[in-house]
Every structure is written in structure tokens, then in C-alpha cells.
Amino acid sequence: RDVRIKFEQIECGPTTVMALQDGRSFLPYRAVSRGVWCFPDRSAENLRKHLLAAGRQTSDELVESKQQDLGSMSCLCFLSNFVEGACAAVNTPQIEYLSQAHEDSAQVFRAIKADSSMRKWLFRGVGWVVMYLGQYLTFSPLITLLSVIPLLNKLVAASIFLLCGVTTALASLCVAGV
């Protein structure tokens, strides 16, 4: 089993760390369930235990635990689970920040937000391209079928090209607005 290890050396001086402290080390801070709104689990010790357990999980373990949350329904969403698993290794929702300067919490969260915003738009762009290709390939047999009629072929191909672009752009905007 492969393990990815990353070492960073920080020069002596002012340093800012935003992570979950575990003894003499740091773990990524990951969101955990805090109970249902009408039955909250307010125990600080229980919350810390859940945060440490989530911070110690690898990306594979995170994906497995999310799929276990779905129970028997996870087999119905194979494609969704596959995409979630592929994205979890690249874009795990966590806070783990290190800087070689003294920064207050507002500056740290602005930097984290800027980084996550860039990632978010990158994933949205990739999603749009994949969705466009899928929709265009769905209609490509129609273009091939109409290739017998020269003028109609070019008109239908251009119409489908435009239709796929508009519908996927609208779908992306609707999903991005959620």
C-alpha cells in the first residue's frame, strides 16, 4: 500500500499554523457531525474525539465512511460514488494551513477561502467540459445519420453544437448557484 508523505521545513521566525492539534503534532481539521438540531451532542470531549478520528483518516477511509453512511443505497449511485472517490483524493474538505508569517485568523481564513475558490472554479470548468462532451456525444449519432444530406448535416451539427453549449452552460449555472 502506497503512502504519500510531505515534509516542509519552516525557517525560525514568526509562523502561523491553522490545524487540529494532536499532542505534539498537527492533523487536518475536518468537519464532523455535531448531532441533530433538536438532539445536539454538546460534549466537548466527544467532539474532540470525533475531530481527532476524522483528522487521522486517510482520503480512502473518508470515501469509505461516506459510502457506509449511505448504507445499501450506495450500490445505486455507482457513478456518483466513483466521482466522489476520485475527487476526495484531490479535494478533501479540510483546513490545514501553514505560513511563514504572523497572521491573524481573518487573514488565514481569507487565504483558505481564496484557495478553495480557485479549486471550486477549476472543478466547475472541468465539470462543464465533461458534461458538454457527454451531451454532444449523445447527439453525435444523429449528426452521423444526417451526413447523407450535405446542407442539413451542417445545419444540424451547428444547431446541436450550440444547443449542447447553451444547455450545459445553463445547467452549470444552476448547479453553481446552489
Protein backbone atom coordinates (compact mmCIF):
# COMPACT_ATOMS: atom_id res chain seq x y z
CA ARG A 1 0.00 0.00 0.00
CA ASP A 2 1.44 3.38 -1.03
CA VAL A 3 1.57 6.26 1.39
CA ARG A 4 2.19 9.86 0.44
CA ILE A 5 4.36 11.82 2.87
CA LYS A 6 5.04 15.53 2.62
CA PHE A 7 7.70 17.30 4.66
CA GLU A 8 8.01 21.06 4.96
CA GLN A 9 10.78 22.92 6.68
CA ILE A 10 9.95 26.28 8.13
CA GLU A 11 12.70 28.72 8.97
CA CYS A 12 12.85 30.01 12.52
CA GLY A 13 10.71 33.09 12.99
CA PRO A 14 7.05 34.05 13.06
CA THR A 15 4.85 31.17 11.92
CA THR A 16 1.11 30.67 11.66
CA VAL A 17 -0.45 27.21 11.85
CA MET A 18 -4.17 26.52 11.41
CA ALA A 19 -4.86 22.84 12.03
CA LEU A 20 -6.10 20.44 14.68
CA GLN A 21 -3.51 19.88 17.41
CA ASP A 22 -2.90 16.27 18.41
CA GLY A 23 -0.34 16.12 21.18
CA ARG A 24 2.93 17.31 19.64
CA SER A 25 1.70 17.13 16.05
CA PHE A 26 -0.99 18.59 13.83
CA LEU A 27 -3.83 16.96 11.89
CA PRO A 28 -6.13 18.41 9.24
CA TYR A 29 -9.32 19.88 10.67
CA ARG A 30 -12.31 18.18 9.04
CA ALA A 31 -15.97 18.85 9.71
CA VAL A 32 -17.80 16.23 11.78
CA SER A 33 -21.44 15.77 12.68
CA ARG A 34 -22.44 17.62 15.83
CA GLY A 35 -25.75 15.84 16.23
CA VAL A 36 -29.27 16.62 15.07
CA TRP A 37 -30.53 20.16 15.75
CA CYS A 38 -33.06 19.03 18.34
CA PHE A 39 -30.68 16.48 19.95
CA PRO A 40 -27.26 18.13 19.78
CA ASP A 41 -24.25 16.38 21.21
CA ARG A 42 -22.68 19.25 23.18
CA SER A 43 -19.93 17.31 24.95
CA ALA A 44 -16.59 18.99 24.18
CA GLU A 45 -14.69 15.78 24.85
CA ASN A 46 -16.90 13.79 22.45
CA LEU A 47 -16.50 16.48 19.75
CA ARG A 48 -12.71 16.45 20.18
CA LYS A 49 -12.69 12.64 19.92
CA HIS A 50 -14.65 12.80 16.63
CA LEU A 51 -12.42 15.60 15.26
CA LEU A 52 -9.24 13.64 16.03
CA ALA A 53 -10.67 10.47 14.47
CA ALA A 54 -11.63 12.40 11.31
CA GLY A 55 -8.20 14.07 11.15
CA ARG A 56 -6.42 10.71 11.33
CA GLN A 57 -8.40 9.23 8.42
CA THR A 58 -6.80 8.90 5.01
CA SER A 59 -8.69 10.07 1.91
CA ASP A 60 -9.57 6.42 1.12
CA GLU A 61 -11.02 5.96 4.59
CA LEU A 62 -13.02 9.18 4.22
CA VAL A 63 -14.60 7.94 0.99
CA GLU A 64 -15.37 4.55 2.55
CA SER A 65 -17.02 6.15 5.57
CA LYS A 66 -19.19 8.35 3.33
CA GLN A 67 -20.25 5.32 1.32
CA GLN A 68 -21.07 3.46 4.54
CA ASP A 69 -23.25 6.42 5.54
CA LEU A 70 -25.41 5.67 2.50
CA GLY A 71 -25.78 2.04 3.53
CA SER A 72 -27.40 -0.22 0.96
CA MET A 73 -28.20 2.77 -1.26
CA SER A 74 -24.51 3.21 -2.15
CA CYS A 75 -24.73 0.49 -4.82
CA LEU A 76 -27.43 2.51 -6.63
CA CYS A 77 -25.17 5.52 -7.01
CA PHE A 78 -22.08 3.84 -8.50
CA LEU A 79 -21.13 6.68 -10.82
CA SER A 80 -21.66 9.30 -8.13
CA ASN A 81 -19.57 7.30 -5.66
CA PHE A 82 -16.84 6.85 -8.27
CA VAL A 83 -16.64 10.60 -8.94
CA GLU A 84 -16.74 11.39 -5.21
CA GLY A 85 -13.93 8.92 -4.59
CA ALA A 86 -11.81 10.39 -7.38
CA CYS A 87 -12.34 13.93 -6.12
CA ALA A 88 -11.74 13.06 -2.46
CA ALA A 89 -8.08 12.37 -3.10
CA VAL A 90 -7.64 15.73 -4.82
CA ASN A 91 -10.06 17.95 -2.95
CA THR A 92 -10.56 16.74 0.62
CA PRO A 93 -12.61 19.31 2.57
CA GLN A 94 -10.24 20.19 5.38
CA ILE A 95 -8.32 23.03 6.98
CA GLU A 96 -4.57 22.62 7.17
CA TYR A 97 -2.67 25.89 6.75
CA LEU A 98 0.95 26.85 7.35
CA SER A 99 2.53 30.25 6.78
CA GLN A 100 5.96 31.74 7.49
CA ALA A 101 4.46 34.98 8.77
CA HIS A 102 2.42 36.11 11.71
CA GLU A 103 -1.22 36.25 10.52
CA ASP A 104 -4.43 36.70 12.42
CA SER A 105 -7.35 34.30 11.95
CA ALA A 106 -9.14 36.61 9.49
CA GLN A 107 -6.11 36.64 7.17
CA VAL A 108 -5.77 32.86 7.42
CA PHE A 109 -9.41 32.26 6.54
CA ARG A 110 -9.19 34.72 3.61
CA ALA A 111 -6.20 32.77 2.23
CA ILE A 112 -8.00 29.45 2.71
CA LYS A 113 -11.14 30.84 1.06
CA ALA A 114 -9.17 32.17 -1.93
CA ASP A 115 -7.51 28.78 -2.43
CA SER A 116 -10.80 26.90 -2.17
CA SER A 117 -12.49 29.37 -4.53
CA MET A 118 -9.85 28.76 -7.20
CA ARG A 119 -10.27 24.98 -6.79
CA LYS A 120 -14.04 25.30 -6.91
CA TRP A 121 -13.99 27.14 -10.26
CA LEU A 122 -11.44 24.70 -11.67
CA PHE A 123 -13.73 21.76 -10.81
CA ARG A 124 -16.73 23.62 -12.23
CA GLY A 125 -14.87 24.20 -15.50
CA VAL A 126 -13.81 20.56 -15.76
CA GLY A 127 -17.38 19.52 -14.93
CA TRP A 128 -18.77 21.74 -17.68
CA VAL A 129 -16.35 20.30 -20.28
CA VAL A 130 -17.22 16.72 -19.30
CA MET A 131 -20.95 17.49 -19.33
CA TYR A 132 -20.65 19.20 -22.74
CA LEU A 133 -18.73 16.29 -24.23
CA GLY A 134 -21.24 13.79 -22.86
CA GLN A 135 -24.19 15.68 -24.27
CA TYR A 136 -22.50 16.27 -27.64
CA LEU A 137 -21.55 12.59 -27.92
CA THR A 138 -25.16 11.65 -27.16
CA PHE A 139 -26.30 13.57 -30.24
CA SER A 140 -23.38 12.55 -32.49
CA PRO A 141 -25.23 9.51 -33.94
CA LEU A 142 -27.88 11.94 -35.20
CA ILE A 143 -25.19 14.02 -36.93
CA THR A 144 -23.74 10.86 -38.49
CA LEU A 145 -27.19 9.73 -39.60
CA LEU A 146 -27.86 13.07 -41.28
CA SER A 147 -24.46 13.19 -43.01
CA VAL A 148 -26.18 11.87 -46.14
CA ILE A 149 -27.82 15.27 -46.68
CA PRO A 150 -24.96 17.80 -47.01
CA LEU A 151 -26.78 21.07 -46.17
CA LEU A 152 -28.90 19.56 -43.40
CA ASN A 153 -25.81 17.88 -41.88
CA LYS A 154 -24.01 21.20 -41.33
CA LEU A 155 -27.15 22.91 -40.04
CA VAL A 156 -27.98 20.12 -37.59
CA ALA A 157 -24.32 19.84 -36.45
CA ALA A 158 -24.14 23.57 -35.76
CA SER A 159 -27.52 23.52 -34.01
CA ILE A 160 -26.52 20.60 -31.80
CA PHE A 161 -23.17 22.25 -31.04
CA LEU A 162 -24.99 25.41 -29.94
CA LEU A 163 -27.75 23.53 -28.11
CA CYS A 164 -25.22 21.47 -26.11
CA GLY A 165 -23.23 24.60 -25.23
CA VAL A 166 -26.29 26.53 -24.06
CA THR A 167 -27.91 23.69 -22.10
CA THR A 168 -24.70 22.68 -20.33
CA ALA A 169 -23.90 26.33 -19.52
CA LEU A 170 -27.39 26.78 -18.03
CA ALA A 171 -27.11 23.52 -16.09
CA SER A 172 -23.68 24.54 -14.77
CA LEU A 173 -25.00 27.93 -13.69
CA CYS A 174 -27.94 26.29 -11.91
CA VAL A 175 -25.66 23.84 -10.09
CA ALA A 176 -23.09 26.55 -9.28
CA GLY A 177 -25.81 28.75 -7.82
CA VAL A 178 -26.85 26.05 -5.35
